[in-house]
Amino acid sequence: MTTKIHHSALTVLDSEDHELTGEKRHRALADFRLTGTMFGAFFARVGGDWEDPDRPDTWGPESPESVDWTGFDA
């Protein structure tokens, strides 16, 4: 069984590689949880074997199901 990544450990970046914080981060994570994608944002790498260093769209958790959403108020 794969260990889930807690939502608080995920770094969310905008299209210019700036880290999202506060409400912007929360909205991006809520979108990912609901749809499996984030508009205008992407995750920093988490070290998964599915991640391609040259493709930011592969970075982060594989799916919303691979995130521990405990304590996330959506």
PDB file of N, CA and C in Angstrom:
ATOM      1  N   MET A   1       0.827  -1.190   0.000  1.00  0.00           N
ATOM      2  CA  MET A   1       0.000   0.000   0.000  1.00  0.00           C
ATOM      3  C   MET A   1       0.874   1.256   0.000  1.00  0.00           C
ATOM      4  N   THR A   2       0.526   2.219  -0.836  1.00  0.00           N
ATOM      5  CA  THR A   2       1.271   3.460  -0.933  1.00  0.00           C
ATOM      6  C   THR A   2       0.846   4.415   0.179  1.00  0.00           C
ATOM      7  N   THR A   3       1.815   5.064   0.784  1.00  0.00           N
ATOM      8  CA  THR A   3       1.529   6.035   1.819  1.00  0.00           C
ATOM      9  C   THR A   3       0.961   7.297   1.189  1.00  0.00           C
ATOM     10  N   LYS A   4      -0.104   7.806   1.756  1.00  0.00           N
ATOM     11  CA  LYS A   4      -0.696   9.037   1.255  1.00  0.00           C
ATOM     12  C   LYS A   4       0.115  10.233   1.726  1.00  0.00           C
ATOM     13  N   ILE A   5       0.118  11.265   0.913  1.00  0.00           N
ATOM     14  CA  ILE A   5       0.801  12.520   1.232  1.00  0.00           C
ATOM     15  C   ILE A   5      -0.223  13.444   1.888  1.00  0.00           C
ATOM     16  N   HIS A   6       0.100  13.953   3.060  1.00  0.00           N
ATOM     17  CA  HIS A   6      -0.824  14.863   3.726  1.00  0.00           C
ATOM     18  C   HIS A   6      -0.882  16.178   2.945  1.00  0.00           C
ATOM     19  N   HIS A   7      -2.064  16.722   2.814  1.00  0.00           N
ATOM     20  CA  HIS A   7      -2.258  17.944   2.032  1.00  0.00           C
ATOM     21  C   HIS A   7      -1.367  19.089   2.506  1.00  0.00           C
ATOM     22  N   SER A   8      -1.057  19.141   3.781  1.00  0.00           N
ATOM     23  CA  SER A   8      -0.224  20.228   4.301  1.00  0.00           C
ATOM     24  C   SER A   8       1.228  20.128   3.838  1.00  0.00           C
ATOM     25  N   ALA A   9       1.638  18.962   3.358  1.00  0.00           N
ATOM     26  CA  ALA A   9       3.013  18.761   2.894  1.00  0.00           C
ATOM     27  C   ALA A   9       3.190  19.086   1.414  1.00  0.00           C
ATOM     28  N   LEU A  10       2.102  19.412   0.730  1.00  0.00           N
ATOM     29  CA  LEU A  10       2.171  19.691  -0.701  1.00  0.00           C
ATOM     30  C   LEU A  10       2.477  21.161  -0.951  1.00  0.00           C
ATOM     31  N   THR A  11       3.411  21.400  -1.861  1.00  0.00           N
ATOM     32  CA  THR A  11       3.725  22.754  -2.291  1.00  0.00           C
ATOM     33  C   THR A  11       3.042  22.988  -3.624  1.00  0.00           C
ATOM     34  N   VAL A  12       2.272  24.069  -3.707  1.00  0.00           N
ATOM     35  CA  VAL A  12       1.545  24.418  -4.920  1.00  0.00           C
ATOM     36  C   VAL A  12       2.182  25.674  -5.505  1.00  0.00           C
ATOM     37  N   LEU A  13       2.481  25.622  -6.798  1.00  0.00           N
ATOM     38  CA  LEU A  13       3.158  26.720  -7.484  1.00  0.00           C
ATOM     39  C   LEU A  13       2.268  27.314  -8.568  1.00  0.00           C
ATOM     40  N   ASP A  14       2.491  28.595  -8.862  1.00  0.00           N
ATOM     41  CA  ASP A  14       1.786  29.194  -9.980  1.00  0.00           C
ATOM     42  C   ASP A  14       2.612  29.012 -11.249  1.00  0.00           C
ATOM     43  N   SER A  15       2.147  29.552 -12.354  1.00  0.00           N
ATOM     44  CA  SER A  15       2.814  29.340 -13.643  1.00  0.00           C
ATOM     45  C   SER A  15       4.194  29.982 -13.719  1.00  0.00           C
ATOM     46  N   GLU A  16       4.524  30.841 -12.753  1.00  0.00           N
ATOM     47  CA  GLU A  16       5.841  31.478 -12.717  1.00  0.00           C
ATOM     48  C   GLU A  16       6.724  30.898 -11.610  1.00  0.00           C
ATOM     49  N   ASP A  17       6.350  29.730 -11.103  1.00  0.00           N
ATOM     50  CA  ASP A  17       7.091  29.024 -10.051  1.00  0.00           C
ATOM     51  C   ASP A  17       7.061  29.716  -8.688  1.00  0.00           C
ATOM     52  N   HIS A  18       6.083  30.557  -8.451  1.00  0.00           N
ATOM     53  CA  HIS A  18       5.931  31.173  -7.141  1.00  0.00           C
ATOM     54  C   HIS A  18       4.992  30.305  -6.308  1.00  0.00           C
ATOM     55  N   GLU A  19       5.345  30.112  -5.049  1.00  0.00           N
ATOM     56  CA  GLU A  19       4.523  29.274  -4.178  1.00  0.00           C
ATOM     57  C   GLU A  19       3.210  29.976  -3.840  1.00  0.00           C
ATOM     58  N   LEU A  20       2.121  29.234  -3.990  1.00  0.00           N
ATOM     59  CA  LEU A  20       0.807  29.761  -3.612  1.00  0.00           C
ATOM     60  C   LEU A  20       0.599  29.553  -2.118  1.00  0.00           C
ATOM     61  N   THR A  21       0.001  30.537  -1.479  1.00  0.00           N
ATOM     62  CA  THR A  21      -0.294  30.463  -0.054  1.00  0.00           C
ATOM     63  C   THR A  21      -1.728  30.934   0.181  1.00  0.00           C
ATOM     64  N   GLY A  22      -2.184  30.763   1.381  1.00  0.00           N
ATOM     65  CA  GLY A  22      -3.479  31.277   1.777  1.00  0.00           C
ATOM     66  C   GLY A  22      -4.634  30.770   0.931  1.00  0.00           C
ATOM     67  N   GLU A  23      -5.535  31.679   0.589  1.00  0.00           N
ATOM     68  CA  GLU A  23      -6.748  31.330  -0.139  1.00  0.00           C
ATOM     69  C   GLU A  23      -6.447  30.767  -1.530  1.00  0.00           C
ATOM     70  N   LYS A  24      -5.423  31.282  -2.203  1.00  0.00           N
ATOM     71  CA  LYS A  24      -5.080  30.778  -3.542  1.00  0.00           C
ATOM     72  C   LYS A  24      -4.655  29.315  -3.466  1.00  0.00           C
ATOM     73  N   ARG A  25      -3.856  28.977  -2.474  1.00  0.00           N
ATOM     74  CA  ARG A  25      -3.430  27.589  -2.288  1.00  0.00           C
ATOM     75  C   ARG A  25      -4.635  26.714  -1.964  1.00  0.00           C
ATOM     76  N   HIS A  26      -5.482  27.196  -1.076  1.00  0.00           N
ATOM     77  CA  HIS A  26      -6.661  26.436  -0.675  1.00  0.00           C
ATOM     78  C   HIS A  26      -7.563  26.172  -1.872  1.00  0.00           C
ATOM     79  N   ARG A  27      -7.792  27.191  -2.703  1.00  0.00           N
ATOM     80  CA  ARG A  27      -8.641  27.019  -3.888  1.00  0.00           C
ATOM     81  C   ARG A  27      -8.052  25.996  -4.853  1.00  0.00           C
ATOM     82  N   ALA A  28      -6.732  26.076  -5.073  1.00  0.00           N
ATOM     83  CA  ALA A  28      -6.077  25.131  -5.980  1.00  0.00           C
ATOM     84  C   ALA A  28      -6.216  23.699  -5.461  1.00  0.00           C
ATOM     85  N   LEU A  29      -5.990  23.499  -4.161  1.00  0.00           N
ATOM     86  CA  LEU A  29      -6.125  22.165  -3.586  1.00  0.00           C
ATOM     87  C   LEU A  29      -7.574  21.683  -3.633  1.00  0.00           C
ATOM     88  N   ALA A  30      -8.517  22.574  -3.380  1.00  0.00           N
ATOM     89  CA  ALA A  30      -9.933  22.194  -3.453  1.00  0.00           C
ATOM     90  C   ALA A  30     -10.292  21.756  -4.873  1.00  0.00           C
ATOM     91  N   ASP A  31      -9.783  22.477  -5.885  1.00  0.00           N
ATOM     92  CA  ASP A  31     -10.016  22.082  -7.282  1.00  0.00           C
ATOM     93  C   ASP A  31      -9.420  20.711  -7.560  1.00  0.00           C
ATOM     94  N   PHE A  32      -8.187  20.493  -7.094  1.00  0.00           N
ATOM     95  CA  PHE A  32      -7.537  19.198  -7.309  1.00  0.00           C
ATOM     96  C   PHE A  32      -8.326  18.081  -6.647  1.00  0.00           C
ATOM     97  N   ARG A  33      -8.782  18.334  -5.443  1.00  0.00           N
ATOM     98  CA  ARG A  33      -9.548  17.309  -4.721  1.00  0.00           C
ATOM     99  C   ARG A  33     -10.833  16.955  -5.466  1.00  0.00           C
ATOM    100  N   LEU A  34     -11.485  17.954  -6.031  1.00  0.00           N
ATOM    101  CA  LEU A  34     -12.763  17.751  -6.707  1.00  0.00           C
ATOM    102  C   LEU A  34     -12.607  17.225  -8.136  1.00  0.00           C
ATOM    103  N   THR A  35     -11.633  17.768  -8.878  1.00  0.00           N
ATOM    104  CA  THR A  35     -11.539  17.473 -10.312  1.00  0.00           C
ATOM    105  C   THR A  35     -10.302  16.692 -10.728  1.00  0.00           C
ATOM    106  N   GLY A  36      -9.288  16.632  -9.849  1.00  0.00           N
ATOM    107  CA  GLY A  36      -8.045  15.954 -10.209  1.00  0.00           C
ATOM    108  C   GLY A  36      -7.081  16.834 -10.973  1.00  0.00           C
ATOM    109  N   THR A  37      -7.397  18.127 -11.084  1.00  0.00           N
ATOM    110  CA  THR A  37      -6.519  19.062 -11.785  1.00  0.00           C
ATOM    111  C   THR A  37      -6.611  20.434 -11.122  1.00  0.00           C
ATOM    112  N   MET A  38      -5.669  21.310 -11.461  1.00  0.00           N
ATOM    113  CA  MET A  38      -5.678  22.675 -10.930  1.00  0.00           C
ATOM    114  C   MET A  38      -5.441  23.626 -12.095  1.00  0.00           C
ATOM    115  N   PHE A  39      -6.278  24.625 -12.251  1.00  0.00           N
ATOM    116  CA  PHE A  39      -6.123  25.604 -13.317  1.00  0.00           C
ATOM    117  C   PHE A  39      -5.096  26.654 -12.910  1.00  0.00           C
ATOM    118  N   GLY A  40      -4.054  26.833 -13.724  1.00  0.00           N
ATOM    119  CA  GLY A  40      -3.054  27.855 -13.467  1.00  0.00           C
ATOM    120  C   GLY A  40      -2.098  27.549 -12.334  1.00  0.00           C
ATOM    121  N   ALA A  41      -2.055  26.308 -11.891  1.00  0.00           N
ATOM    122  CA  ALA A  41      -1.170  25.936 -10.791  1.00  0.00           C
ATOM    123  C   ALA A  41      -0.678  24.508 -10.986  1.00  0.00           C
ATOM    124  N   PHE A  42       0.422  24.198 -10.336  1.00  0.00           N
ATOM    125  CA  PHE A  42       0.941  22.834 -10.356  1.00  0.00           C
ATOM    126  C   PHE A  42       1.673  22.558  -9.056  1.00  0.00           C
ATOM    127  N   PHE A  43       1.911  21.287  -8.797  1.00  0.00           N
ATOM    128  CA  PHE A  43       2.605  20.880  -7.580  1.00  0.00           C
ATOM    129  C   PHE A  43       4.117  20.912  -7.774  1.00  0.00           C
ATOM    130  N   ALA A  44       4.828  21.127  -6.690  1.00  0.00           N
ATOM    131  CA  ALA A  44       6.264  20.875  -6.682  1.00  0.00           C
ATOM    132  C   ALA A  44       6.437  19.358  -6.636  1.00  0.00           C
ATOM    133  N   ARG A  45       7.599  18.882  -7.006  1.00  0.00           N
ATOM    134  CA  ARG A  45       7.846  17.437  -7.012  1.00  0.00           C
ATOM    135  C   ARG A  45       7.762  16.866  -5.605  1.00  0.00           C
ATOM    136  N   VAL A  46       7.229  15.649  -5.518  1.00  0.00           N
ATOM    137  CA  VAL A  46       7.125  14.947  -4.236  1.00  0.00           C
ATOM    138  C   VAL A  46       8.017  13.712  -4.195  1.00  0.00           C
ATOM    139  N   GLY A  47       8.725  13.427  -5.290  1.00  0.00           N
ATOM    140  CA  GLY A  47       9.639  12.291  -5.317  1.00  0.00           C
ATOM    141  C   GLY A  47       9.031  10.992  -5.788  1.00  0.00           C
ATOM    142  N   GLY A  48       7.871  11.053  -6.428  1.00  0.00           N
ATOM    143  CA  GLY A  48       7.232   9.839  -6.933  1.00  0.00           C
ATOM    144  C   GLY A  48       7.885   9.323  -8.194  1.00  0.00           C
ATOM    145  N   ASP A  49       7.856   8.008  -8.387  1.00  0.00           N
ATOM    146  CA  ASP A  49       8.478   7.426  -9.580  1.00  0.00           C
ATOM    147  C   ASP A  49       7.714   7.759 -10.864  1.00  0.00           C
ATOM    148  N   TRP A  50       6.502   8.295 -10.766  1.00  0.00           N
ATOM    149  CA  TRP A  50       5.711   8.705 -11.927  1.00  0.00           C
ATOM    150  C   TRP A  50       6.101  10.104 -12.417  1.00  0.00           C
ATOM    151  N   GLU A  51       6.871  10.839 -11.615  1.00  0.00           N
ATOM    152  CA  GLU A  51       7.222  12.212 -11.952  1.00  0.00           C
ATOM    153  C   GLU A  51       8.365  12.273 -12.964  1.00  0.00           C
ATOM    154  N   ASP A  52       8.158  13.061 -14.011  1.00  0.00           N
ATOM    155  CA  ASP A  52       9.187  13.312 -15.010  1.00  0.00           C
ATOM    156  C   ASP A  52       9.787  14.685 -14.691  1.00  0.00           C
ATOM    157  N   PRO A  53      11.095  14.767 -14.418  1.00  0.00           N
ATOM    158  CA  PRO A  53      11.708  16.047 -14.040  1.00  0.00           C
ATOM    159  C   PRO A  53      11.489  17.161 -15.061  1.00  0.00           C
ATOM    160  N   ASP A  54      11.245  16.799 -16.308  1.00  0.00           N
ATOM    161  CA  ASP A  54      11.066  17.791 -17.364  1.00  0.00           C
ATOM    162  C   ASP A  54       9.602  18.136 -17.641  1.00  0.00           C
ATOM    163  N   ARG A  55       8.678  17.513 -16.910  1.00  0.00           N
ATOM    164  CA  ARG A  55       7.250  17.737 -17.155  1.00  0.00           C
ATOM    165  C   ARG A  55       6.523  18.069 -15.854  1.00  0.00           C
ATOM    166  N   PRO A  56       6.390  19.359 -15.534  1.00  0.00           N
ATOM    167  CA  PRO A  56       5.711  19.745 -14.298  1.00  0.00           C
ATOM    168  C   PRO A  56       4.291  19.193 -14.171  1.00  0.00           C
ATOM    169  N   ASP A  57       3.647  18.869 -15.284  1.00  0.00           N
ATOM    170  CA  ASP A  57       2.292  18.320 -15.204  1.00  0.00           C
ATOM    171  C   ASP A  57       2.260  16.924 -14.590  1.00  0.00           C
ATOM    172  N   THR A  58       3.428  16.289 -14.419  1.00  0.00           N
ATOM    173  CA  THR A  58       3.488  14.969 -13.789  1.00  0.00           C
ATOM    174  C   THR A  58       3.884  15.049 -12.314  1.00  0.00           C
ATOM    175  N   TRP A  59       4.202  16.244 -11.824  1.00  0.00           N
ATOM    176  CA  TRP A  59       4.675  16.411 -10.461  1.00  0.00           C
ATOM    177  C   TRP A  59       3.525  16.371  -9.466  1.00  0.00           C
ATOM    178  N   GLY A  60       3.854  15.998  -8.249  1.00  0.00           N
ATOM    179  CA  GLY A  60       2.867  15.983  -7.177  1.00  0.00           C
ATOM    180  C   GLY A  60       2.208  14.632  -7.032  1.00  0.00           C
ATOM    181  N   PRO A  61       1.135  14.587  -6.260  1.00  0.00           N
ATOM    182  CA  PRO A  61       0.442  13.313  -6.041  1.00  0.00           C
ATOM    183  C   PRO A  61      -0.157  12.788  -7.347  1.00  0.00           C
ATOM    184  N   GLU A  62      -0.247  11.477  -7.445  1.00  0.00           N
ATOM    185  CA  GLU A  62      -0.790  10.865  -8.667  1.00  0.00           C
ATOM    186  C   GLU A  62      -2.258  11.208  -8.876  1.00  0.00           C
ATOM    187  N   SER A  63      -2.996  11.343  -7.794  1.00  0.00           N
ATOM    188  CA  SER A  63      -4.434  11.607  -7.887  1.00  0.00           C
ATOM    189  C   SER A  63      -4.921  12.156  -6.555  1.00  0.00           C
ATOM    190  N   PRO A  64      -6.135  12.702  -6.526  1.00  0.00           N
ATOM    191  CA  PRO A  64      -6.685  13.158  -5.246  1.00  0.00           C
ATOM    192  C   PRO A  64      -6.786  12.038  -4.212  1.00  0.00           C
ATOM    193  N   GLU A  65      -6.960  10.812  -4.675  1.00  0.00           N
ATOM    194  CA  GLU A  65      -7.065   9.668  -3.763  1.00  0.00           C
ATOM    195  C   GLU A  65      -5.737   9.353  -3.075  1.00  0.00           C
ATOM    196  N   SER A  66      -4.623   9.871  -3.615  1.00  0.00           N
ATOM    197  CA  SER A  66      -3.326   9.613  -3.001  1.00  0.00           C
ATOM    198  C   SER A  66      -2.926  10.712  -2.010  1.00  0.00           C
ATOM    199  N   VAL A  67      -3.888  11.571  -1.686  1.00  0.00           N
ATOM    200  CA  VAL A  67      -3.660  12.637  -0.713  1.00  0.00           C
ATOM    201  C   VAL A  67      -4.469  12.350   0.542  1.00  0.00           C
ATOM    202  N   ASP A  68      -3.854  12.588   1.696  1.00  0.00           N
ATOM    203  CA  ASP A  68      -4.564  12.506   2.973  1.00  0.00           C
ATOM    204  C   ASP A  68      -5.189  13.885   3.196  1.00  0.00           C
ATOM    205  N   TRP A  69      -6.490  13.948   3.077  1.00  0.00           N
ATOM    206  CA  TRP A  69      -7.218  15.215   3.184  1.00  0.00           C
ATOM    207  C   TRP A  69      -7.678  15.512   4.608  1.00  0.00           C
ATOM    208  N   THR A  70      -7.215  14.742   5.588  1.00  0.00           N
ATOM    209  CA  THR A  70      -7.608  14.960   6.975  1.00  0.00           C
ATOM    210  C   THR A  70      -7.335  16.410   7.386  1.00  0.00           C
ATOM    211  N   GLY A  71      -8.370  17.083   7.881  1.00  0.00           N
ATOM    212  CA  GLY A  71      -8.229  18.455   8.331  1.00  0.00           C
ATOM    213  C   GLY A  71      -8.377  19.495   7.245  1.00  0.00           C
ATOM    214  N   PHE A  72      -8.564  19.071   6.011  1.00  0.00           N
ATOM    215  CA  PHE A  72      -8.751  20.030   4.904  1.00  0.00           C
ATOM    216  C   PHE A  72     -10.221  20.420   4.846  1.00  0.00           C
ATOM    217  N   ASP A  73     -10.489  21.691   5.021  1.00  0.00           N
ATOM    218  CA  ASP A  73     -11.852  22.181   4.996  1.00  0.00           C
ATOM    219  C   ASP A  73     -12.179  22.677   3.597  1.00  0.00           C
ATOM    220  N   ALA A  74     -12.957  21.893   2.882  1.00  0.00           N
ATOM    221  CA  ALA A  74     -13.281  22.281   1.504  1.00  0.00           C
ATOM    222  C   ALA A  74     -14.694  22.762   1.381  1.00  0.00           C
TER     223      ALA A  74
END
